[in-house]
Every structure is written in structure tokens, then in C-alpha cells.
Protein backbone atom coordinates (compact mmCIF):
# COMPACT_ATOMS: atom_id res chain seq x y z
CA MET A 1 0.00 0.00 0.00
CA LYS A 2 1.46 3.37 -1.00
CA TRP A 3 0.41 6.91 -0.33
CA PRO A 4 1.59 10.00 -2.25
CA GLY A 5 4.49 11.63 -0.46
CA LYS A 6 4.37 9.29 2.54
CA ARG A 7 5.53 5.77 3.26
CA LEU A 8 4.16 3.64 6.06
CA THR A 9 7.06 1.56 7.37
CA SER A 10 5.50 0.14 10.50
CA ALA A 11 2.52 0.59 12.79
CA ARG A 12 4.31 -0.97 15.76
CA PRO A 13 5.31 2.26 17.52
CA LEU A 14 1.63 3.17 17.18
CA LEU A 15 0.72 0.07 19.18
CA GLY A 16 3.43 0.50 21.77
CA THR A 17 2.54 4.10 22.60
CA ALA A 18 -0.72 3.39 24.38
CA LEU A 19 -0.49 -0.25 25.39
CA ALA A 20 -0.51 -0.43 29.16
CA LEU A 21 -1.05 -4.15 29.37
CA ALA A 22 1.99 -4.85 31.51
CA ALA A 23 0.40 -2.89 34.32
CA LEU A 24 -2.48 -5.33 34.14
CA LEU A 25 -0.33 -8.43 34.31
CA THR A 26 0.00 -8.26 38.08
CA SER A 27 -3.62 -9.20 38.53
CA ALA A 28 -3.67 -11.46 35.48
CA LEU A 29 -0.72 -13.71 36.21
CA PRO A 30 -1.14 -16.63 38.58
CA ALA A 31 0.20 -15.70 41.99
CA ALA A 32 2.03 -19.01 42.23
CA ALA A 33 4.05 -18.54 39.03
CA LEU A 34 7.65 -19.50 39.67
CA PRO A 35 10.74 -19.60 37.43
CA GLY A 36 11.19 -23.01 35.87
CA GLY A 37 7.50 -23.88 35.79
CA THR A 38 7.79 -26.56 38.50
CA ALA A 39 4.98 -27.10 40.94
CA GLY A 40 3.95 -28.16 44.36
CA SER A 41 0.54 -29.65 45.05
CA GLY A 42 -1.97 -30.00 42.23
CA ALA A 43 -5.75 -29.81 41.97
CA SER A 44 -6.13 -33.51 42.70
CA ASP A 45 -3.99 -36.33 44.03
CA GLY A 46 -1.38 -37.73 41.66
CA SER A 47 -3.09 -41.11 41.24
CA SER A 48 -6.06 -39.57 39.39
CA ARG A 49 -4.23 -36.90 37.41
CA PRO A 50 -3.44 -37.37 33.71
CA VAL A 51 0.10 -38.29 32.68
CA VAL A 52 1.61 -38.06 29.19
CA ALA A 53 4.94 -39.48 28.07
CA LEU A 54 7.17 -37.29 25.88
CA ALA A 55 10.70 -37.81 24.59
CA GLN A 56 11.76 -35.21 27.19
CA GLY A 57 10.14 -37.15 30.03
CA ALA A 58 6.73 -37.71 31.60
CA LEU A 59 4.31 -34.89 32.51
CA ARG A 60 1.56 -34.97 35.12
CA GLY A 61 -1.22 -32.46 34.45
CA GLN A 62 -4.59 -31.91 36.04
CA THR A 63 -8.29 -31.99 35.21
CA ARG A 64 -10.15 -28.71 35.53
CA ASP A 65 -13.43 -27.29 34.18
CA GLY A 66 -14.16 -30.13 31.80
CA ALA A 67 -10.69 -30.32 30.29
CA GLN A 68 -7.19 -31.43 31.11
CA GLU A 69 -4.29 -28.98 31.30
CA PHE A 70 -0.53 -29.39 31.29
CA LEU A 71 1.04 -26.16 32.45
CA GLY A 72 4.55 -24.75 32.41
CA VAL A 73 5.93 -27.23 29.85
CA PRO A 74 9.44 -26.31 28.62
CA TYR A 75 9.74 -26.20 24.84
CA ALA A 76 13.29 -24.79 24.79
CA ALA A 77 16.22 -24.44 27.16
CA PRO A 78 16.33 -21.32 29.37
CA PRO A 79 17.71 -18.42 27.25
CA VAL A 80 19.86 -17.07 30.08
CA GLY A 81 23.55 -16.33 30.65
CA VAL A 82 25.59 -17.14 27.55
CA ALA A 83 22.32 -18.28 25.88
CA ARG A 84 20.88 -14.75 26.04
CA LEU A 85 20.50 -13.22 22.57
CA ARG A 86 21.01 -16.58 20.90
CA PRO A 87 18.63 -18.89 19.02
CA PRO A 88 16.59 -21.21 21.26
CA ARG A 89 18.11 -24.57 22.10
CA PRO A 90 16.25 -27.83 22.71
CA ALA A 91 14.63 -28.21 26.11
CA PRO A 92 16.49 -30.49 28.51
CA ARG A 93 15.22 -33.94 29.41
CA TRP A 94 14.18 -34.89 32.90
CA THR A 95 13.81 -38.09 34.85
CA GLY A 96 10.72 -39.22 36.67
CA VAL A 97 7.40 -37.39 36.30
CA ARG A 98 7.44 -33.60 35.99
CA GLU A 99 4.57 -31.78 37.67
CA ALA A 100 2.70 -29.68 35.09
CA ASP A 101 0.00 -28.08 37.25
CA ARG A 102 1.43 -24.59 37.62
CA GLN A 103 2.06 -21.94 34.97
CA ALA A 104 5.54 -20.62 34.28
CA PRO A 105 6.45 -16.92 34.58
CA ALA A 106 6.01 -14.38 31.84
CA CYS A 107 9.08 -13.40 29.85
CA LEU A 108 10.82 -10.23 30.98
CA GLN A 109 8.43 -7.33 30.35
CA PHE A 110 9.79 -4.37 28.38
CA SER A 111 7.13 -1.95 29.54
CA PRO A 112 7.48 1.23 31.58
CA PHE A 113 4.99 -0.26 34.03
CA GLY A 114 6.62 -3.61 34.77
CA LEU A 115 5.32 -6.17 37.25
CA ARG A 116 4.95 -5.57 40.96
CA ASP A 117 5.39 -9.27 41.71
CA PRO A 118 9.05 -10.13 40.94
CA ARG A 119 8.10 -13.80 40.59
CA ALA A 120 5.73 -13.04 37.73
CA ALA A 121 8.41 -12.44 35.07
CA ASP A 122 11.74 -14.09 34.40
CA GLU A 123 14.21 -14.57 31.54
CA ASP A 124 13.76 -18.32 32.07
CA CYS A 125 10.38 -18.23 30.35
CA LEU A 126 10.27 -20.47 27.27
CA TYR A 127 7.33 -22.55 28.38
CA LEU A 128 3.89 -23.35 27.04
CA ASP A 129 0.54 -24.60 28.32
CA VAL A 130 -1.41 -27.43 26.68
CA TYR A 131 -5.18 -27.92 27.07
CA ARG A 132 -7.10 -30.92 25.78
CA PRO A 133 -10.56 -32.47 26.19
CA ARG A 134 -10.69 -34.75 29.20
CA THR A 135 -11.39 -37.73 26.92
CA ALA A 136 -8.43 -37.08 24.61
CA ARG A 137 -5.83 -39.82 24.35
CA PRO A 138 -2.74 -40.45 22.18
CA GLY A 139 -3.82 -41.23 18.64
CA ALA A 140 -7.02 -39.16 18.78
CA ARG A 141 -5.57 -36.76 16.15
CA LEU A 142 -7.58 -33.76 17.28
CA PRO A 143 -7.03 -30.38 15.58
CA VAL A 144 -4.46 -28.16 17.29
CA VAL A 145 -4.90 -24.42 18.00
CA PHE A 146 -1.52 -22.76 18.59
CA TRP A 147 -1.89 -19.34 20.27
CA MET A 148 0.54 -16.38 20.41
CA HIS A 149 -0.33 -13.44 22.68
CA GLY A 150 -0.06 -9.77 21.76
CA GLY A 151 1.50 -6.81 23.56
CA ALA A 152 3.51 -4.79 21.00
CA TYR A 153 6.30 -7.43 21.11
CA SER A 154 7.21 -5.95 24.49
CA GLN A 155 4.79 -7.31 27.06
CA GLY A 156 2.19 -9.98 27.74
CA THR A 157 2.21 -13.72 28.38
CA GLY A 158 0.52 -16.85 27.12
CA THR A 159 -0.62 -17.71 30.63
CA GLN A 160 -3.46 -15.16 30.40
CA PHE A 161 -5.17 -17.21 27.69
CA GLY A 162 -6.57 -20.41 29.11
CA GLY A 163 -7.82 -22.96 26.59
CA ARG A 164 -9.95 -25.27 28.71
CA THR A 165 -13.33 -24.14 27.36
CA MET A 166 -12.17 -24.08 23.74
CA ALA A 167 -10.67 -27.55 24.05
CA ASP A 168 -13.75 -29.06 25.70
CA LEU A 169 -16.33 -27.35 23.47
CA THR A 170 -14.61 -27.86 20.10
CA GLN A 171 -12.64 -31.05 20.78
CA THR A 172 -9.34 -29.40 19.94
CA VAL A 173 -5.96 -29.33 21.64
CA VAL A 174 -4.93 -25.77 22.54
CA VAL A 175 -1.31 -24.65 22.96
CA SER A 176 -0.52 -21.19 24.40
CA ILE A 177 3.10 -20.06 24.43
CA ASN A 178 5.50 -17.53 25.87
CA TYR A 179 8.21 -16.05 23.65
CA ARG A 180 11.01 -13.58 24.33
CA LEU A 181 9.98 -9.92 24.33
CA GLY A 182 11.53 -6.51 23.91
CA GLN A 183 15.18 -6.35 22.88
CA LEU A 184 15.78 -9.80 24.35
CA GLY A 185 13.45 -11.07 21.65
CA TYR A 186 14.07 -8.61 18.83
CA LEU A 187 17.51 -7.01 18.49
CA THR A 188 18.96 -6.73 15.00
CA LEU A 189 22.69 -6.67 15.65
CA PRO A 190 25.12 -8.87 13.69
CA GLU A 191 27.49 -9.44 16.63
CA PRO A 192 25.21 -11.60 18.84
CA ALA A 193 24.17 -13.57 15.76
CA GLU A 194 27.73 -14.48 14.75
CA GLY A 195 28.11 -18.23 14.50
CA SER A 196 24.36 -18.78 14.73
CA SER A 197 22.00 -20.09 12.10
CA PRO A 198 19.97 -18.36 10.93
CA ARG A 199 21.84 -15.06 11.32
CA SER A 200 19.05 -12.93 12.69
CA GLY A 201 18.19 -10.96 15.80
CA SER A 202 14.51 -11.96 15.76
CA PHE A 203 14.86 -14.38 18.66
CA GLY A 204 11.18 -14.08 19.58
CA LEU A 205 10.23 -15.32 16.11
CA MET A 206 12.76 -18.14 16.49
CA ASP A 207 11.09 -19.04 19.80
CA GLN A 208 7.71 -19.25 18.08
CA ILE A 209 9.14 -21.53 15.39
CA ALA A 210 10.83 -23.66 18.08
CA ALA A 211 7.47 -23.97 19.87
CA LEU A 212 5.83 -25.04 16.61
CA ARG A 213 8.53 -27.68 16.12
CA TRP A 214 7.97 -28.87 19.69
CA THR A 215 4.26 -29.08 18.89
CA ARG A 216 4.86 -31.10 15.74
CA GLU A 217 7.07 -33.55 17.65
CA ASN A 218 5.02 -33.89 20.84
CA ILE A 219 1.38 -32.98 20.34
CA ALA A 220 0.33 -36.51 19.33
CA ALA A 221 1.07 -37.61 22.90
CA PHE A 222 -1.70 -35.26 24.05
CA GLY A 223 -4.12 -36.53 21.39
CA GLY A 224 -3.40 -33.75 18.91
CA ASN A 225 -2.80 -34.03 15.18
CA PRO A 226 0.61 -32.65 14.11
CA ASP A 227 -0.74 -32.44 10.57
CA SER A 228 -3.59 -30.11 11.59
CA VAL A 229 -2.08 -27.11 13.40
CA THR A 230 -3.68 -23.65 13.26
CA VAL A 231 -1.41 -20.74 14.20
CA SER A 232 -3.34 -17.87 15.73
CA GLY A 233 -2.61 -14.58 17.42
CA GLN A 234 -3.93 -11.14 18.24
CA SER A 235 -2.26 -7.73 17.77
CA ALA A 236 1.50 -8.41 17.89
CA GLY A 237 0.56 -12.10 18.01
CA SER A 238 -1.19 -11.56 14.68
CA GLY A 239 1.92 -9.78 13.41
CA SER A 240 3.81 -12.91 14.46
CA VAL A 241 1.41 -14.99 12.35
CA CYS A 242 2.26 -12.71 9.40
CA ALA A 243 5.96 -13.36 10.03
CA LEU A 244 5.43 -17.13 10.22
CA LEU A 245 3.55 -17.02 6.94
CA ALA A 246 6.63 -15.44 5.32
CA ALA A 247 9.39 -17.37 7.14
CA PRO A 248 10.79 -20.20 5.00
CA SER A 249 11.85 -22.16 8.10
CA ALA A 250 8.22 -22.27 9.31
CA ALA A 251 7.02 -24.07 6.17
CA GLY A 252 5.09 -27.23 6.97
CA LEU A 253 4.79 -26.50 10.68
CA PHE A 254 1.17 -25.25 10.44
CA HIS A 255 -1.79 -25.71 8.16
CA ARG A 256 -4.18 -22.80 8.85
CA ALA A 257 -3.80 -19.26 10.20
CA VAL A 258 -5.96 -16.90 12.29
CA LEU A 259 -5.10 -13.18 12.42
CA GLN A 260 -6.95 -11.05 14.98
CA SER A 261 -6.50 -7.25 14.98
CA GLY A 262 -3.13 -7.32 13.28
CA PRO A 263 -3.33 -7.23 9.45
CA CYS A 264 -0.09 -7.82 7.56
CA THR A 265 -0.41 -4.67 5.43
CA LEU A 266 -0.47 -2.58 8.63
CA LEU A 267 2.14 -4.28 10.81
CA ARG A 268 5.05 -3.92 8.42
CA THR A 269 8.47 -5.18 9.44
CA PRO A 270 11.45 -2.80 9.41
CA ASP A 271 14.24 -3.73 7.04
CA SER A 272 17.40 -5.04 8.68
CA ALA A 273 19.38 -1.82 8.10
CA ARG A 274 16.84 0.36 9.87
CA ALA A 275 16.36 -2.22 12.61
CA GLU A 276 20.14 -2.38 13.14
CA ALA A 277 20.35 1.40 13.55
CA GLN A 278 17.63 1.21 16.19
CA ALA A 279 19.41 -1.68 17.90
CA ARG A 280 22.71 0.24 17.99
CA ALA A 281 20.96 3.14 19.68
CA PHE A 282 19.44 0.77 22.23
CA ALA A 283 22.79 -0.91 22.93
CA ALA A 284 24.44 2.45 23.49
CA ARG A 285 21.64 3.47 25.84
CA ALA A 286 22.21 0.20 27.74
CA GLY A 287 25.90 1.06 28.19
CA CYS A 288 27.12 -1.23 25.43
CA PRO A 289 28.43 0.96 22.58
CA GLY A 290 29.94 -1.14 19.89
CA PRO A 291 30.44 -2.97 17.80
CA ALA A 292 33.48 -4.33 19.65
CA GLY A 293 32.33 -6.31 22.67
CA VAL A 294 28.68 -5.36 22.30
CA ALA A 295 27.41 -8.97 22.42
CA THR A 296 29.37 -9.79 25.58
CA CYS A 297 28.29 -6.52 27.19
CA LEU A 298 24.59 -7.07 26.45
CA ARG A 299 24.72 -10.65 27.71
CA GLY A 300 26.25 -9.42 30.93
CA ALA A 301 23.88 -6.51 31.52
CA SER A 302 21.13 -6.83 34.09
CA GLY A 303 17.59 -7.33 32.88
CA ALA A 304 16.61 -4.11 34.66
CA ALA A 305 19.24 -2.17 32.70
CA LEU A 306 17.91 -3.51 29.40
CA VAL A 307 14.32 -2.68 30.31
CA ASP A 308 15.37 0.83 31.35
CA ALA A 309 17.22 1.37 28.05
CA ALA A 310 14.09 0.38 26.13
CA ARG A 311 11.78 2.90 27.79
CA THR A 312 12.15 5.43 24.98
CA LEU A 313 13.42 2.94 22.37
CA PRO A 314 10.77 0.21 22.08
CA THR A 315 11.56 -2.77 19.90
CA PRO A 316 10.08 -2.72 16.38
CA GLY A 317 9.52 -6.47 16.49
CA PRO A 318 10.89 -8.89 13.89
CA ALA A 319 12.96 -7.38 11.08
CA SER A 320 13.00 -8.53 7.48
CA GLY A 321 15.93 -8.87 5.11
CA ASP A 322 17.86 -11.59 6.92
CA GLY A 323 18.13 -15.36 6.82
CA LEU A 324 15.07 -15.89 9.02
CA LEU A 325 12.66 -13.47 7.34
CA PRO A 326 14.03 -12.64 3.88
CA VAL A 327 11.28 -10.18 2.93
CA ASP A 328 8.48 -8.30 4.64
CA PRO A 329 5.37 -10.49 5.00
CA GLU A 330 3.20 -8.19 2.88
CA GLN A 331 5.77 -8.35 0.08
CA ALA A 332 5.99 -12.13 0.37
CA ILE A 333 2.20 -12.49 0.25
CA ARG A 334 1.85 -10.15 -2.73
CA GLY A 335 4.53 -12.09 -4.56
CA GLY A 336 2.98 -15.47 -3.76
CA THR A 337 6.15 -16.63 -1.97
CA TRP A 338 4.68 -17.49 1.41
CA ASN A 339 3.49 -20.51 3.38
CA LYS A 340 0.05 -20.72 1.81
CA VAL A 341 -2.71 -21.92 4.13
CA PRO A 342 -6.39 -21.02 4.62
CA VAL A 343 -6.84 -17.78 6.58
CA LEU A 344 -9.37 -16.42 9.06
CA ILE A 345 -8.86 -12.69 9.69
CA GLY A 346 -10.74 -9.89 11.43
CA SER A 347 -10.88 -6.91 13.74
CA THR A 348 -13.12 -5.28 16.33
CA ARG A 349 -15.65 -2.61 15.42
CA SER A 350 -13.89 0.24 17.26
CA GLU A 351 -10.27 -0.86 17.68
CA ALA A 352 -8.77 2.55 18.38
CA ARG A 353 -10.99 3.42 21.34
CA PHE A 354 -8.50 1.54 23.51
CA PHE A 355 -5.53 3.62 22.37
CA VAL A 356 -7.28 6.98 22.39
CA ALA A 357 -8.77 6.35 25.84
CA LEU A 358 -5.35 5.66 27.30
CA SER A 359 -3.45 8.41 25.49
CA GLN A 360 -5.99 11.26 25.01
CA PRO A 361 -8.93 10.72 27.37
CA GLY A 362 -9.71 14.44 27.71
CA LEU A 363 -9.52 15.30 24.00
CA THR A 364 -11.31 18.54 23.07
CA GLN A 365 -12.90 19.43 19.75
CA GLU A 366 -10.17 22.01 19.13
CA GLN A 367 -7.46 19.42 19.77
CA TYR A 368 -9.19 16.92 17.51
CA THR A 369 -9.40 19.43 14.66
CA ALA A 370 -5.77 20.50 15.09
CA GLN A 371 -4.56 16.91 15.17
CA ILE A 372 -6.36 15.98 11.96
CA LEU A 373 -5.18 19.08 10.11
CA ALA A 374 -1.59 18.54 11.26
CA ALA A 375 -1.63 14.92 10.16
CA TYR A 376 -3.35 15.30 6.79
CA GLY A 377 -2.57 18.84 5.63
CA ASP A 378 -4.69 19.82 2.66
CA ALA A 379 -6.72 16.63 3.01
CA GLY A 380 -7.49 17.38 6.66
CA ALA A 381 -10.64 19.33 5.87
CA GLU A 382 -12.10 16.36 4.02
CA VAL A 383 -11.24 14.00 6.90
CA LEU A 384 -13.04 16.35 9.30
CA ALA A 385 -16.03 16.52 6.96
CA ARG A 386 -16.21 12.73 6.84
CA TYR A 387 -15.74 12.35 10.61
CA PRO A 388 -17.50 15.32 12.25
CA VAL A 389 -17.72 15.35 16.01
CA ALA A 390 -21.47 15.93 15.77
CA ASP A 391 -21.96 12.55 14.06
CA HIS A 392 -19.94 10.64 16.64
CA GLY A 393 -20.96 12.32 19.88
CA SER A 394 -17.55 13.39 21.17
CA PRO A 395 -14.02 14.21 19.97
CA TYR A 396 -12.87 10.96 21.59
CA LEU A 397 -15.25 8.87 19.51
CA ALA A 398 -14.55 10.84 16.31
CA LEU A 399 -10.79 10.43 16.62
CA SER A 400 -11.25 6.76 17.49
CA ALA A 401 -13.27 6.29 14.30
CA VAL A 402 -10.60 7.97 12.16
CA MET A 403 -7.88 5.83 13.68
CA THR A 404 -9.90 2.61 13.51
CA ASP A 405 -10.90 3.05 9.88
CA SER A 406 -7.56 4.30 8.58
CA SER A 407 -5.60 1.54 10.30
CA PHE A 408 -7.07 -1.72 11.59
CA ALA A 409 -10.41 -1.88 9.76
CA CYS A 410 -9.40 -1.05 6.22
CA HIS A 411 -6.06 -2.81 6.43
CA THR A 412 -7.90 -5.91 7.60
CA ALA A 413 -10.10 -5.69 4.49
CA TRP A 414 -7.09 -5.13 2.22
CA THR A 415 -5.09 -7.94 3.78
CA ALA A 416 -8.10 -10.25 3.44
CA GLU A 417 -8.35 -9.38 -0.26
CA LEU A 418 -4.66 -10.14 -0.67
CA PHE A 419 -5.04 -13.56 0.92
CA ALA A 420 -8.30 -14.34 -0.88
CA SER A 421 -6.66 -14.10 -4.27
CA GLN A 422 -4.54 -17.11 -3.32
CA VAL A 423 -6.18 -19.16 -0.53
CA PRO A 424 -9.60 -19.64 1.09
CA THR A 425 -10.10 -16.61 3.34
CA TYR A 426 -12.79 -15.73 5.88
CA ALA A 427 -13.23 -12.25 7.41
CA TYR A 428 -15.07 -11.13 10.54
CA GLU A 429 -15.85 -8.02 12.57
CA PHE A 430 -16.47 -8.33 16.30
CA ASP A 431 -19.29 -5.99 17.31
CA ASP A 432 -20.64 -6.20 20.86
CA PRO A 433 -21.60 -2.68 22.03
CA GLN A 434 -21.58 -3.92 25.65
CA SER A 435 -18.28 -5.82 25.56
CA PRO A 436 -16.03 -5.71 28.63
CA THR A 437 -12.76 -3.85 28.43
CA LEU A 438 -9.43 -4.88 29.88
CA ALA A 439 -9.13 -4.92 33.65
CA GLY A 440 -7.67 -1.64 34.86
CA ALA A 441 -7.91 0.06 31.46
CA GLN A 442 -11.41 1.54 31.76
CA VAL A 443 -11.35 5.34 31.74
CA PRO A 444 -14.38 6.74 33.61
CA GLY A 445 -16.94 8.26 31.29
CA LEU A 446 -15.56 6.80 28.05
CA ASP A 447 -17.20 4.07 26.00
CA GLU A 448 -14.47 1.51 25.31
CA SER A 449 -16.69 -1.26 23.97
CA ASN A 450 -15.50 -3.04 20.84
CA ALA A 451 -12.01 -1.69 21.38
CA HIS A 452 -8.72 -3.45 20.66
CA SER A 453 -8.66 -6.81 22.52
CA ALA A 454 -12.45 -6.85 23.14
CA GLU A 455 -12.90 -10.25 21.49
CA LEU A 456 -10.31 -12.05 23.63
CA ALA A 457 -12.68 -12.80 26.52
CA TYR A 458 -15.03 -14.52 24.06
CA LEU A 459 -12.41 -16.96 22.72
CA HIS A 460 -10.29 -17.80 25.76
CA ASP A 461 -10.56 -18.43 29.47
CA PHE A 462 -9.25 -14.89 29.71
CA THR A 463 -7.87 -13.47 32.94
CA MET A 464 -7.85 -9.80 31.97
CA GLY A 465 -11.48 -8.84 31.42
CA ASP A 466 -12.84 -6.10 33.66
CA ARG A 467 -16.03 -8.08 34.34
CA PRO A 468 -17.53 -11.50 33.56
CA LEU A 469 -19.51 -12.03 30.39
CA THR A 470 -23.30 -11.95 30.67
CA PRO A 471 -25.34 -15.00 29.64
CA VAL A 472 -26.06 -13.36 26.27
CA GLN A 473 -22.35 -12.71 25.77
CA VAL A 474 -21.49 -16.26 26.80
CA ALA A 475 -23.84 -17.47 24.07
CA LEU A 476 -21.96 -15.34 21.52
CA ALA A 477 -18.65 -16.63 22.90
CA THR A 478 -19.85 -20.21 22.43
CA ARG A 479 -20.77 -19.56 18.81
CA MET A 480 -17.42 -17.84 18.18
CA LYS A 481 -15.45 -20.72 19.66
CA ARG A 482 -17.37 -23.14 17.47
CA TYR A 483 -16.50 -21.11 14.37
CA TRP A 484 -12.82 -20.98 15.34
CA GLY A 485 -12.81 -24.69 16.19
CA ALA A 486 -14.42 -25.61 12.86
CA PHE A 487 -11.84 -23.55 11.01
CA ALA A 488 -9.07 -25.38 12.91
CA ARG A 489 -10.65 -28.72 11.97
CA PHE A 490 -11.71 -28.16 8.36
CA GLY A 491 -9.99 -24.98 7.13
CA ALA A 492 -13.48 -23.44 6.86
CA PRO A 493 -15.63 -22.05 9.72
CA ALA A 494 -18.66 -24.16 8.85
CA VAL A 495 -20.83 -24.93 11.88
CA PRO A 496 -24.20 -26.72 11.50
CA GLY A 497 -27.02 -24.63 12.93
CA GLN A 498 -25.04 -21.37 12.89
CA THR A 499 -25.04 -18.55 10.34
CA ARG A 500 -23.16 -19.51 7.19
CA TRP A 501 -19.78 -17.77 6.97
CA PRO A 502 -19.05 -16.99 3.30
CA ALA A 503 -15.50 -16.83 2.01
CA VAL A 504 -14.01 -13.55 0.82
CA VAL A 505 -14.41 -13.22 -2.93
CA PRO A 506 -11.27 -11.72 -4.49
CA GLY A 507 -11.82 -8.63 -6.57
CA SER A 508 -15.43 -8.22 -5.49
CA GLY A 509 -14.88 -4.76 -3.97
CA ALA A 510 -17.41 -5.57 -1.26
CA ALA A 511 -16.15 -8.75 0.32
CA PRO A 512 -18.54 -10.45 2.75
CA VAL A 513 -17.62 -10.03 6.41
CA LEU A 514 -19.27 -11.95 9.23
CA THR A 515 -20.49 -9.56 11.93
CA LEU A 516 -20.25 -11.16 15.38
CA ASN A 517 -22.94 -9.47 17.46
CA PRO A 518 -24.79 -10.89 20.50
CA SER A 519 -28.17 -10.10 18.97
CA SER A 520 -27.47 -11.63 15.58
CA ILE A 521 -24.59 -12.97 13.53
CA THR A 522 -24.91 -11.82 9.93
CA ALA A 523 -22.83 -11.75 6.77
CA SER A 524 -22.56 -8.23 5.40
CA SER A 525 -20.98 -6.72 2.30
CA SER A 526 -20.97 -3.16 3.71
CA PHE A 527 -17.79 -3.40 5.82
CA ALA A 528 -15.60 -1.43 3.38
CA ALA A 529 -18.25 1.27 2.98
CA ASP A 530 -18.93 1.45 6.71
CA HIS A 531 -15.26 2.17 7.36
CA GLN A 532 -14.78 4.41 4.28
CA CYS A 533 -11.99 2.23 2.91
CA ALA A 534 -12.14 3.67 -0.62
CA PHE A 535 -11.22 7.04 0.90
CA TRP A 536 -8.43 5.61 3.07
CA ARG A 537 -6.82 3.54 0.31
CA THR A 538 -4.82 6.58 -0.83
CA ARG A 539 -4.09 7.97 2.63
CA PRO A 540 -1.89 6.74 5.49
CA PRO A 541 -3.21 5.67 8.89
CA LEU A 542 -3.49 8.41 11.47
CA PRO A 543 -0.52 7.98 13.87
CA PHE A 544 -1.46 7.03 17.42
């Protein structure tokens, strides 16, 4: 996508500006999380708890809420000490039966908020959680849903996204992973990569690929089918799906893809030269000017020093132009040189409300007008005419609409069109005007329904919602899980007794989008018109 006189290189700083999710992790992480993912007592006595045998050793999980869970399972060796800023290594073996009834810590959080509980985050964090139906056994060959959390590549954890309900309802095996964050996960410097293969600083992406390889090698022991793996993610997790679609080394590790609120045409990767310049600035800020000795210095620095250096230099996420990710995902998809699988993609109705609420909660009409005119120059008057405050009810809602349409909504439509020309593609819009927001993120007096992350509580046993779902919302959540589960099973979200979900028709100009609303689920062809995408096709997203 190109715009006259302007080039969109990445929307990731846009996401990192307002995301305050790390502040929420304190209440979201399990209080008993400990480095290493080992456990004490479980939910039931060991004689009745499920045990699976892996090449690494045996795991003892637990039964909970209609499903079985195996928590804190190591998929790679701890990336600490001399292993910091290196590709992931195979997880060590163990003898006896490893307790898998307690979640592992989050990876180190590169957020200005951090975690109040020092046990909640650790560099020893390459663990995953597995959820399966209580009746699942080896050889069942159930579809696998592989989940990657969001958080601007700087914060978050897979432990917030329980998969018990999804596994039980849809008869799937759910895997939720941690991966390295911030500059420990994404640092494009050649020195740490010397002697490594591939030569890349996108260690977080390498972690995700390592977790997929672990899944391919081990998921059959849980009753999963290694030949039916759906990669899925939201926000930066969706950007990670884009990267996996374009990474040659991920070929064959998954068979379907779900992208939630992170379209590939929006979340562009920086090229390696630009990413290296940013990494050099970060290293200097961390007290490691280079290039001589920079790798040794960064491996010896404290985690706190690295987090502090990143406060004004957030990571851009995975870079393209190296051996791991040769080209930007959008470029790979346009050129047809990507890991082609069926795609399910979508966004929420009012994505940007989350970002505007956290960054500009007291926005005035004068500030709104000035911001639009400054961003769009001569075209500003037309933007204001299309998005008048009077039509939206407040400057906050008007600015949220501009940001939503110019970024997430229309780029989701354009990315869906790009996929649909090559593979079966299904698009959705989540639209619950009463949806909960994230715990701790509600700004008094502002309507944050349908904002970024609103759909997460409907698809996961989510620990970050500000309130429980109502019975009507639970019914919508059940229907959504069934759609997602059917897509994981068949490559098409076809559910008997539920509204038919039509595929995106390439070149139609008004692709059908399934609207997920508690009152009714309907297929609509007005999505592009509702979000004024013809207007935004020649204009860049409004910066957050």
C-alpha cells in the first residue's frame, strides 16, 4: 500500500505508545508462578491426574473445568547467561514425572509499568501450556490451535489465555506459548548472531518456530494431530502470524492461520538496516556501545538495565531482510512466496478506542481538529467533513473512528483481499456494544466497547477482562469458539445450525464479512463502505 508523499514503514510504535497491558499483568498472572515452571501440590492427588509421556520425560497435568491442562511445559532451554540473545536450544530432558500443574512466569516485560510481583516475570520463560478435552488420548488426532499473545512485542504472556473451554467445546488441543519480548526477543545486531544459524536478531520469532517444532514432535502424545495445526494470534501475536507465513523455516509446521486485529499490510516489518540502527541506539543506551564487545556486554547486563534502556526505544519487532525473514510479510504475500494456508482474519468494530482512551482521554474538539489538520494537511478538511464530532458524539469517539478506519479496519479488508486471491479466506468483525474492556484500562466516562482486545474474553478463558460475560455474551462466545474450532478442523468455519460464513471473494470490492454481534450474527458486504476504505486507500493511517 502506498500513499503519495508518505511511506508507512510500521505501525508498531503506534501500538506501543498506548499499550498499558503490563500494568495489568499483576492481577492477570497466577500468583504461584515460579521460574522453571515446576509445581507443588496439584488440583487432585497424583493417582487420578493425567500423565503423558514425551521424549523429554513424563508430565503430570490436572483436570479442571471439563478439560485437562498441562502447564509450564518447557519447549526450549532457558535463554539465560551465555544463551541470552542466541537462538533457542532444545529443552532439557528430565527423569521421573514432571509436575505440570502450575504456569511458568512471563518473559521479561519491556514496559514502563513492569510487574509488581518479581516472581511473575523471568528470563527463564520459554514454556507453554497445553489444554485438551478430558477424553483425549494419544492417537485421537484432534485439531491443534496454537496461540501467540499480543503486547507490542514488548509485554504480555501466554498464561493469560486459558484454553480449557475451547478444548472441551470444540474437541481441539490448545497450545498457548511464551516467547522472548523486547530487545531480548528482537535485536537486529550482527554481533550476537555471529556463529548462529539463521543469522538474525529476531529471537522471539525463532522461539515461536521452536514452539511449533515442539508441537509437531510432541502434540500426538496429548491426542493432537501434528498435521492439523492452526497458528493464531492477536495484535503483535497476529503480526507474528504474518511473520510465520513469510518465514521459509516455518514451512510445513502449520496448516491454517488466524489473524486477529493485526493485518499484515499494517504491521510492516522494518528492514534489517533500519532495525540495526535502532538496535545500535538501544545498545548504546544500555551502556554497550559497539560494535566491539557489544554482544558480551549485552549478555552481561542486568535485565533491569535492558528494560530501562528500552523505555524510549521500544523494539520494532521482527525485522526482514535476513536469513530468518528474507522479505516483509506483505511483500511475500503479494509475490505469492509465502506458506500458503487457509486464513481467518478480522478486527473489532472500534479498535482505536483503547488507544485513544489511554493516550488522550480528555480530547477537546479544538485538539481533535488541530490533530487531523496537522496529520493530513490539505486533506485534513475532508477528513473532518467525513468524521465530524457531531456525528460521533464526542471528539474521543470521532478520533477513534478515524484511527480505527484508517488503520485496523481497512487494512484488515485489504489484507483479506490479498489472501483471498490465493487461498480460502474468511473475514469477521467483532461488534458487541456492551463488551467488557481490559481490567484496569477503563477510563471513567468513556465508552471503550468493541475496542482493541475486546474479542479475547469470548475466545479464551481470559484473565484480563474487567467483568464477567453476561449469559447473552457467553452465548456469543460459544458460537465464536465453534467457528474458530471448525476452522481449525476443516480450514473453513462451517458450523451446522449457525449462520453460514461466506468466504471472501477476491476482486469483489465488497467482500462479505461476518459480523459477530450478540443479537445476531450476519454476513454483510458493507464493511468497506462502513469504514470508508475507498477514501483511506490513498491515505496513510493516522498515527497514534
